[in-house]
Protein backbone atom coordinates (compact mmCIF):
# COMPACT_ATOMS: atom_id res chain seq x y z
CA MET A 1 25.04 21.84 -10.46
CA THR A 2 22.40 20.03 -8.38
CA GLU A 3 19.74 22.73 -8.85
CA ASP A 4 19.02 21.39 -12.37
CA TYR A 5 19.15 17.78 -11.21
CA HIS A 6 16.88 15.54 -9.15
CA VAL A 7 17.81 13.29 -6.26
CA CYS A 8 18.45 9.85 -7.70
CA PRO A 9 15.30 7.76 -7.20
CA HIS A 10 17.31 4.54 -7.15
CA CYS A 11 19.68 5.37 -4.26
CA GLN A 12 17.73 8.33 -2.79
CA GLY A 13 20.72 10.60 -3.24
CA VAL A 14 23.22 8.49 -1.31
CA GLY A 15 25.14 7.22 -4.34
CA ILE A 16 25.34 3.72 -2.89
CA ILE A 17 22.88 0.83 -3.21
CA GLU A 18 22.64 -2.49 -1.39
CA VAL A 19 23.29 -5.52 -3.57
CA VAL A 20 21.91 -8.84 -2.36
CA TRP A 21 23.75 -11.96 -3.47
CA GLN A 22 21.04 -14.61 -3.17
CA SER A 23 23.14 -17.17 -5.00
CA VAL A 24 25.59 -17.06 -2.10
CA SER A 25 23.12 -16.74 0.77
CA PRO A 26 19.72 -15.07 1.22
CA ASP A 27 21.32 -12.79 3.80
CA ALA A 28 24.49 -11.95 1.87
CA ALA A 29 24.54 -8.27 0.96
CA ASP A 30 27.13 -5.81 -0.20
CA ALA A 31 27.27 -2.12 -1.05
CA ALA A 32 27.87 -0.90 -4.59
CA GLU A 33 27.96 2.41 -6.42
CA CYS A 34 24.56 3.33 -7.81
CA PRO A 35 24.58 2.64 -11.56
CA MET A 36 21.77 5.09 -12.25
CA CYS A 37 23.56 8.21 -10.99
CA ASP A 38 27.17 6.96 -11.21
CA ALA A 39 27.38 7.31 -7.41
CA CYS A 40 26.87 11.09 -7.37
CA GLY A 41 23.32 10.94 -5.96
CA TYR A 42 21.70 13.10 -8.65
CA VAL A 43 20.17 12.50 -12.08
CA PRO A 44 18.85 14.78 -14.84
CA PRO A 45 15.10 15.48 -14.63
CA ALA A 46 14.31 13.40 -17.74
CA GLN A 47 16.04 10.36 -16.25
CA ALA A 48 14.14 10.71 -12.97
CA GLU A 49 10.88 10.97 -14.93
CA ARG A 50 11.68 7.81 -16.96
CA TYR A 51 12.41 5.97 -13.72
CA ASP A 52 9.09 7.09 -12.19
CA GLN A 53 7.14 6.14 -15.32
CA GLY A 54 8.83 2.73 -15.48
CA ARG A 55 8.16 2.10 -11.81
CA LYS A 56 4.45 2.88 -12.35
CA LEU A 57 4.39 0.59 -15.38
CA ARG A 58 5.89 -2.23 -13.29
CA GLN A 59 3.40 -1.68 -10.45
CA ASP A 60 0.52 -1.87 -12.94
CA ARG A 61 1.95 -5.02 -14.54
CA VAL A 62 2.41 -6.77 -11.21
CA ALA A 63 -1.07 -5.71 -10.05
CA ALA A 64 -2.50 -7.23 -13.24
CA GLY A 65 -0.66 -10.48 -12.48
CA LYS A 66 1.45 -10.36 -15.63
CA SER A 67 5.02 -11.52 -15.94
CA LEU A 68 7.73 -9.40 -17.49
CA GLN A 69 7.74 -11.80 -20.45
CA GLU A 70 3.98 -11.44 -20.97
CA ALA A 71 4.14 -7.64 -20.85
CA ALA A 72 7.05 -7.61 -23.32
CA ARG A 73 5.27 -9.96 -25.70
CA GLU A 74 2.13 -7.76 -25.62
CA ARG A 75 4.25 -4.76 -26.64
CA GLY A 76 6.24 -6.64 -29.26
CA ILE A 77 9.58 -6.07 -27.53
CA THR A 78 12.15 -8.25 -25.81
CA THR A 79 12.10 -9.02 -22.11
CA LYS A 80 15.35 -7.07 -21.72
CA GLU A 81 13.82 -4.03 -23.39
CA MET A 82 10.80 -4.26 -21.11
CA GLY A 83 13.06 -4.51 -18.07
CA ASP A 84 15.04 -1.49 -19.25
CA ILE A 85 11.81 0.49 -19.59
CA GLU A 86 10.65 -0.51 -16.11
CA TRP A 87 14.01 0.52 -14.63
CA GLY A 88 14.02 3.85 -16.48
CA ARG A 89 17.01 2.96 -18.65
CA ALA A 90 15.11 3.28 -21.94
């Protein structure tokens, strides 16, 4: 099964991510199942590629000093859609 899949770029194949609850305390953290790979540690190649492309897009946006809202407005999409693209969900 895993030969056709890539290690999940979000959890690095562990299946678990750290969730920080800043509303509770800056140091409050918890573990949660990775939503990108459904905690299995692997994703299809196309999903891994979308994640990598979105990550690059975010790096470029931040380097240009643009907010998520500005980047979304430039593309004529919603902030949520832009966030989904940057996280490889769209």
